[in-house]
Protein backbone atom coordinates (compact mmCIF):
# COMPACT_ATOMS: atom_id res chain seq x y z
CA UNK A 1 139.96 136.76 104.49
CA UNK A 2 141.16 139.70 102.40
CA UNK A 3 138.94 142.74 101.95
CA UNK A 4 138.89 145.07 98.99
CA UNK A 5 139.28 148.84 98.96
CA UNK A 6 135.75 149.04 97.50
CA UNK A 7 134.32 147.26 100.53
CA UNK A 8 136.13 149.64 102.85
CA UNK A 9 134.90 152.69 100.91
CA UNK A 10 131.24 151.71 100.70
CA UNK A 11 131.25 150.56 104.33
CA UNK A 12 132.81 153.87 105.40
CA UNK A 13 130.30 155.84 103.29
CA UNK A 14 127.25 154.08 104.73
CA UNK A 15 128.54 154.28 108.29
CA UNK A 16 129.06 158.01 107.69
CA UNK A 17 125.44 158.29 106.55
CA UNK A 18 124.33 156.40 109.65
CA UNK A 19 126.42 158.67 111.87
CA UNK A 20 124.78 161.75 110.32
CA UNK A 21 121.17 160.69 109.79
CA UNK A 22 120.58 158.85 113.10
CA UNK A 23 121.39 161.77 115.40
CA UNK A 24 119.91 164.30 112.97
CA UNK A 25 116.62 162.41 112.93
CA UNK A 26 116.52 162.29 116.71
CA UNK A 27 117.28 166.02 116.96
CA UNK A 28 114.46 166.84 114.54
CA UNK A 29 112.06 164.65 116.52
CA UNK A 30 113.17 166.28 119.78
CA UNK A 31 112.85 169.77 118.34
CA UNK A 32 109.43 168.95 116.91
CA UNK A 33 108.14 167.55 120.18
CA UNK A 34 109.52 170.48 122.16
CA UNK A 35 107.52 172.73 119.85
CA UNK A 36 104.36 170.73 120.45
CA UNK A 37 104.77 170.52 124.21
CA UNK A 38 104.61 167.90 126.90
CA UNK A 39 102.00 165.15 126.91
CA UNK A 40 100.00 165.95 130.01
CA UNK A 41 97.03 163.60 129.64
CA UNK A 42 96.68 159.98 128.65
CA UNK A 43 93.01 160.24 127.79
CA UNK A 44 92.40 159.36 124.12
CA UNK A 45 90.29 162.48 123.63
CA UNK A 46 93.24 164.65 124.70
CA UNK A 47 95.79 162.70 122.62
CA UNK A 48 93.98 163.11 119.30
CA UNK A 49 94.60 166.88 119.01
CA UNK A 50 98.26 166.29 119.89
CA UNK A 51 98.49 163.60 117.21
CA UNK A 52 97.16 166.15 114.73
CA UNK A 53 99.89 168.59 115.78
CA UNK A 54 102.52 165.88 115.44
CA UNK A 55 101.36 164.98 111.93
CA UNK A 56 101.47 168.66 110.88
CA UNK A 57 104.99 169.25 112.21
CA UNK A 58 107.69 169.70 109.56
CA UNK A 59 110.39 168.92 112.13
CA UNK A 60 108.74 165.59 112.99
CA UNK A 61 108.57 164.62 109.29
CA UNK A 62 112.21 165.61 108.77
CA UNK A 63 113.08 163.45 111.76
CA UNK A 64 111.15 160.50 110.36
CA UNK A 65 112.79 160.91 106.94
CA UNK A 66 116.25 161.12 108.51
CA UNK A 67 115.65 158.01 110.59
CA UNK A 68 114.42 156.12 107.51
CA UNK A 69 117.65 157.13 105.71
CA UNK A 70 119.61 155.90 108.76
CA UNK A 71 117.71 152.60 108.77
CA UNK A 72 118.27 152.00 105.04
CA UNK A 73 122.01 152.70 105.35
CA UNK A 74 122.14 150.40 108.39
CA UNK A 75 120.45 147.54 106.56
CA UNK A 76 122.68 147.93 103.51
CA UNK A 77 125.94 148.05 105.44
CA UNK A 78 124.95 144.98 107.47
CA UNK A 79 124.48 143.09 104.20
CA UNK A 80 128.23 143.18 103.51
CA UNK A 81 130.02 144.04 106.75
CA UNK A 82 130.12 142.26 110.10
CA UNK A 83 127.76 143.43 112.82
CA UNK A 84 130.72 143.40 115.22
CA UNK A 85 132.38 146.00 112.96
CA UNK A 86 129.37 148.15 112.04
CA UNK A 87 127.94 148.67 115.51
CA UNK A 88 131.12 149.91 117.20
CA UNK A 89 132.14 151.96 114.15
CA UNK A 90 128.76 153.69 114.07
CA UNK A 91 129.33 154.80 117.67
CA UNK A 92 131.10 157.82 116.20
CA UNK A 93 127.53 159.18 116.10
CA UNK A 94 128.06 160.17 119.75
CA UNK A 95 130.22 163.05 118.50
CA UNK A 96 127.38 164.20 116.25
CA UNK A 97 124.90 163.82 119.11
CA UNK A 98 127.01 166.02 121.40
CA UNK A 99 127.57 168.62 118.68
CA UNK A 100 123.91 168.78 117.67
CA UNK A 101 122.80 168.87 121.29
CA UNK A 102 125.08 171.82 121.91
CA UNK A 103 124.64 173.72 118.64
CA UNK A 104 120.99 173.04 117.76
CA UNK A 105 119.27 172.27 121.05
CA UNK A 106 121.49 174.65 123.07
CA UNK A 107 122.29 172.01 125.67
CA UNK A 108 125.31 172.24 127.93
CA UNK A 109 127.77 169.49 127.11
CA UNK A 110 130.12 169.18 130.06
CA UNK A 111 133.82 168.39 129.90
CA UNK A 112 133.10 164.95 131.36
CA UNK A 113 130.71 164.18 128.49
CA UNK A 114 133.26 165.38 125.91
CA UNK A 115 135.90 163.16 127.51
CA UNK A 116 133.49 160.21 127.33
CA UNK A 117 132.89 160.93 123.64
CA UNK A 118 136.67 161.08 123.11
CA UNK A 119 137.10 157.64 124.72
CA UNK A 120 134.38 156.24 122.45
CA UNK A 121 136.08 157.77 119.39
CA UNK A 122 139.37 156.16 120.35
CA UNK A 123 137.58 152.79 120.45
CA UNK A 124 136.05 153.51 117.04
CA UNK A 125 139.53 154.16 115.64
CA UNK A 126 140.72 150.79 116.99
CA UNK A 127 137.74 148.98 115.44
CA UNK A 128 138.28 150.86 112.18
CA UNK A 129 141.69 149.24 111.81
CA UNK A 130 140.10 145.80 111.50
CA UNK A 131 138.56 144.35 108.32
CA UNK A 132 134.83 145.09 107.89
CA UNK A 133 134.11 141.45 107.01
CA UNK A 134 135.71 138.44 108.63
CA UNK A 135 133.24 135.82 107.50
CA UNK A 136 132.67 134.28 104.12
CA UNK A 137 129.80 135.76 102.15
CA UNK A 138 127.02 133.21 101.69
């Protein structure tokens, strides 16, 4: 089955959005929850004030919005590209995760982790050389 340049472009664009918004949403959620603090009690009376803090957190809402954008891009790209193409190609998000972890959350990303991310990226490049859709569109 032949694929058009338009299919490649829109698939690439939505996978790029997934690669950005998925990790960004998780970083915002992590940053928001770090600001709120650890859940220390499971009693409903103790969880209600924490829920109030969560609902007032700008970082949490930015995380939710980013993850909704990720989810919408994911649904759209799956409507025209194969799952076996989209899922591996979106693994490039591991680069964004490592970068955001290091730059925003000030985590130490070891050489071993960077090498693992490099191996994943090499696999993404291999998958990227295949057509996004190998099945007939219903």
